[in-house]
Amino acid sequence: MSADHKYEVEVIKLERALRVRRELKKKIEDMLGKSTVRKFAKDAVDCPVLGKRVSFIFCYACPNFVRRYRGVVHCRGDPLPPDFQP
């Protein structure tokens, strides 16, 4: 395991997308493009920090996100700031 991440979390493919706040989705669309966000919207991860399943879009915006590589998300696992909620 590398020193830059604590967790390796599998990406889960879903039939339907999980809900994400409109502001967050817009922010990610500006960075990545609409087609990429549309593809990522149907992906989810079981977040080790929050202890629940969240959309990959939320995970991507998280300060703990390091990288996504071959269907696995590398996560730092640090506590989240109180204002950062799904």
C-alpha atoms as a PDB file:
ATOM      1  CA  MET A   1       0.000   0.000   0.000  1.00  0.00           C
ATOM      2  CA  SER A   2       1.221   3.435  -0.918  1.00  0.00           C
ATOM      3  CA  ALA A   3       1.803   6.181   1.633  1.00  0.00           C
ATOM      4  CA  ASP A   4      -0.575   8.614  -0.099  1.00  0.00           C
ATOM      5  CA  HIS A   5      -3.755   6.650   0.644  1.00  0.00           C
ATOM      6  CA  LYS A   6      -5.223   4.590   3.458  1.00  0.00           C
ATOM      7  CA  TYR A   7      -8.154   2.844   1.730  1.00  0.00           C
ATOM      8  CA  GLU A   8      -8.736   1.201  -1.627  1.00  0.00           C
ATOM      9  CA  VAL A   9     -12.478   1.193  -2.339  1.00  0.00           C
ATOM     10  CA  GLU A  10     -14.127  -0.713  -5.205  1.00  0.00           C
ATOM     11  CA  VAL A  11     -16.292   1.264  -7.637  1.00  0.00           C
ATOM     12  CA  ILE A  12     -19.839  -0.129  -7.862  1.00  0.00           C
ATOM     13  CA  LYS A  13     -21.830   0.131 -11.114  1.00  0.00           C
ATOM     14  CA  LEU A  14     -25.490   1.049 -10.527  1.00  0.00           C
ATOM     15  CA  GLU A  15     -28.612   0.830 -12.684  1.00  0.00           C
ATOM     16  CA  ARG A  16     -29.752   4.309 -11.592  1.00  0.00           C
ATOM     17  CA  ALA A  17     -27.683   7.247 -10.434  1.00  0.00           C
ATOM     18  CA  LEU A  18     -27.618   8.311  -6.778  1.00  0.00           C
ATOM     19  CA  ARG A  19     -28.744  11.859  -6.019  1.00  0.00           C
ATOM     20  CA  VAL A  20     -26.053  14.537  -5.862  1.00  0.00           C
ATOM     21  CA  ARG A  21     -26.473  18.202  -4.945  1.00  0.00           C
ATOM     22  CA  ARG A  22     -26.981  20.326  -8.061  1.00  0.00           C
ATOM     23  CA  GLU A  23     -24.169  22.770  -7.155  1.00  0.00           C
ATOM     24  CA  LEU A  24     -21.672  19.959  -6.716  1.00  0.00           C
ATOM     25  CA  LYS A  25     -22.658  18.298  -9.988  1.00  0.00           C
ATOM     26  CA  LYS A  26     -22.344  21.615 -11.846  1.00  0.00           C
ATOM     27  CA  LYS A  27     -18.896  22.240 -10.353  1.00  0.00           C
ATOM     28  CA  ILE A  28     -17.652  18.811 -11.467  1.00  0.00           C
ATOM     29  CA  GLU A  29     -19.239  19.247 -14.933  1.00  0.00           C
ATOM     30  CA  ASP A  30     -17.248  22.460 -15.377  1.00  0.00           C
ATOM     31  CA  MET A  31     -14.034  20.559 -14.597  1.00  0.00           C
ATOM     32  CA  LEU A  32     -14.625  17.244 -16.409  1.00  0.00           C
ATOM     33  CA  GLY A  33     -17.399  17.814 -18.953  1.00  0.00           C
ATOM     34  CA  LYS A  34     -21.009  16.674 -19.111  1.00  0.00           C
ATOM     35  CA  SER A  35     -20.418  13.310 -20.803  1.00  0.00           C
ATOM     36  CA  THR A  36     -17.860  12.235 -18.195  1.00  0.00           C
ATOM     37  CA  VAL A  37     -20.113  13.296 -15.320  1.00  0.00           C
ATOM     38  CA  ARG A  38     -23.040  11.442 -16.909  1.00  0.00           C
ATOM     39  CA  LYS A  39     -20.906   8.282 -16.960  1.00  0.00           C
ATOM     40  CA  PHE A  40     -19.669   8.785 -13.376  1.00  0.00           C
ATOM     41  CA  ALA A  41     -23.218   9.447 -12.088  1.00  0.00           C
ATOM     42  CA  LYS A  42     -24.054   5.728 -12.295  1.00  0.00           C
ATOM     43  CA  ASP A  43     -20.986   4.779 -10.255  1.00  0.00           C
ATOM     44  CA  ALA A  44     -20.917   4.626  -6.465  1.00  0.00           C
ATOM     45  CA  VAL A  45     -18.520   3.710  -3.647  1.00  0.00           C
ATOM     46  CA  ASP A  46     -18.982   2.496  -0.080  1.00  0.00           C
ATOM     47  CA  CYS A  47     -17.284   5.431   1.646  1.00  0.00           C
ATOM     48  CA  PRO A  48     -15.022   4.292   4.529  1.00  0.00           C
ATOM     49  CA  VAL A  49     -15.087   7.766   6.129  1.00  0.00           C
ATOM     50  CA  LEU A  50     -18.872   8.327   6.097  1.00  0.00           C
ATOM     51  CA  GLY A  51     -19.731   4.643   6.439  1.00  0.00           C
ATOM     52  CA  LYS A  52     -22.348   4.676   3.679  1.00  0.00           C
ATOM     53  CA  ARG A  53     -22.745   4.377  -0.082  1.00  0.00           C
ATOM     54  CA  VAL A  54     -22.223   7.651  -1.949  1.00  0.00           C
ATOM     55  CA  SER A  55     -22.114   8.665  -5.597  1.00  0.00           C
ATOM     56  CA  PHE A  56     -18.695   8.677  -7.232  1.00  0.00           C
ATOM     57  CA  ILE A  57     -19.283  12.342  -8.117  1.00  0.00           C
ATOM     58  CA  PHE A  58     -19.394  13.163  -4.392  1.00  0.00           C
ATOM     59  CA  CYS A  59     -16.322  10.988  -3.849  1.00  0.00           C
ATOM     60  CA  TYR A  60     -14.449  12.797  -6.632  1.00  0.00           C
ATOM     61  CA  ALA A  61     -15.141  16.173  -4.995  1.00  0.00           C
ATOM     62  CA  CYS A  62     -14.059  14.914  -1.556  1.00  0.00           C
ATOM     63  CA  PRO A  63     -10.745  16.244  -0.137  1.00  0.00           C
ATOM     64  CA  ASN A  64      -9.770  12.614   0.632  1.00  0.00           C
ATOM     65  CA  PHE A  65      -9.941  11.537  -3.027  1.00  0.00           C
ATOM     66  CA  VAL A  66      -6.498  10.638  -4.394  1.00  0.00           C
ATOM     67  CA  ARG A  67      -7.177   8.791  -7.679  1.00  0.00           C
ATOM     68  CA  ARG A  68      -9.407   6.310  -9.452  1.00  0.00           C
ATOM     69  CA  TYR A  69      -7.462   3.494 -11.064  1.00  0.00           C
ATOM     70  CA  ARG A  70      -8.926   0.391 -12.744  1.00  0.00           C
ATOM     71  CA  GLY A  71     -12.206   0.433 -10.851  1.00  0.00           C
ATOM     72  CA  VAL A  72     -10.650   1.225  -7.470  1.00  0.00           C
ATOM     73  CA  VAL A  73     -10.715   4.575  -5.664  1.00  0.00           C
ATOM     74  CA  HIS A  74      -7.750   5.446  -3.472  1.00  0.00           C
ATOM     75  CA  CYS A  75      -8.880   7.393  -0.379  1.00  0.00           C
ATOM     76  CA  ARG A  76      -6.803   9.175   2.284  1.00  0.00           C
ATOM     77  CA  GLY A  77      -9.357   8.352   4.996  1.00  0.00           C
ATOM     78  CA  ASP A  78      -8.948  11.597   6.957  1.00  0.00           C
ATOM     79  CA  PRO A  79     -11.924  13.110   8.841  1.00  0.00           C
ATOM     80  CA  LEU A  80     -14.074  15.366   6.674  1.00  0.00           C
ATOM     81  CA  PRO A  81     -14.652  19.043   7.429  1.00  0.00           C
ATOM     82  CA  PRO A  82     -18.088  19.676   8.980  1.00  0.00           C
ATOM     83  CA  ASP A  83     -19.299  21.731   5.990  1.00  0.00           C
ATOM     84  CA  PHE A  84     -18.591  18.912   3.490  1.00  0.00           C
ATOM     85  CA  GLN A  85     -21.713  16.722   3.380  1.00  0.00           C
ATOM     86  CA  PRO A  86     -23.285  14.565   0.641  1.00  0.00           C
END
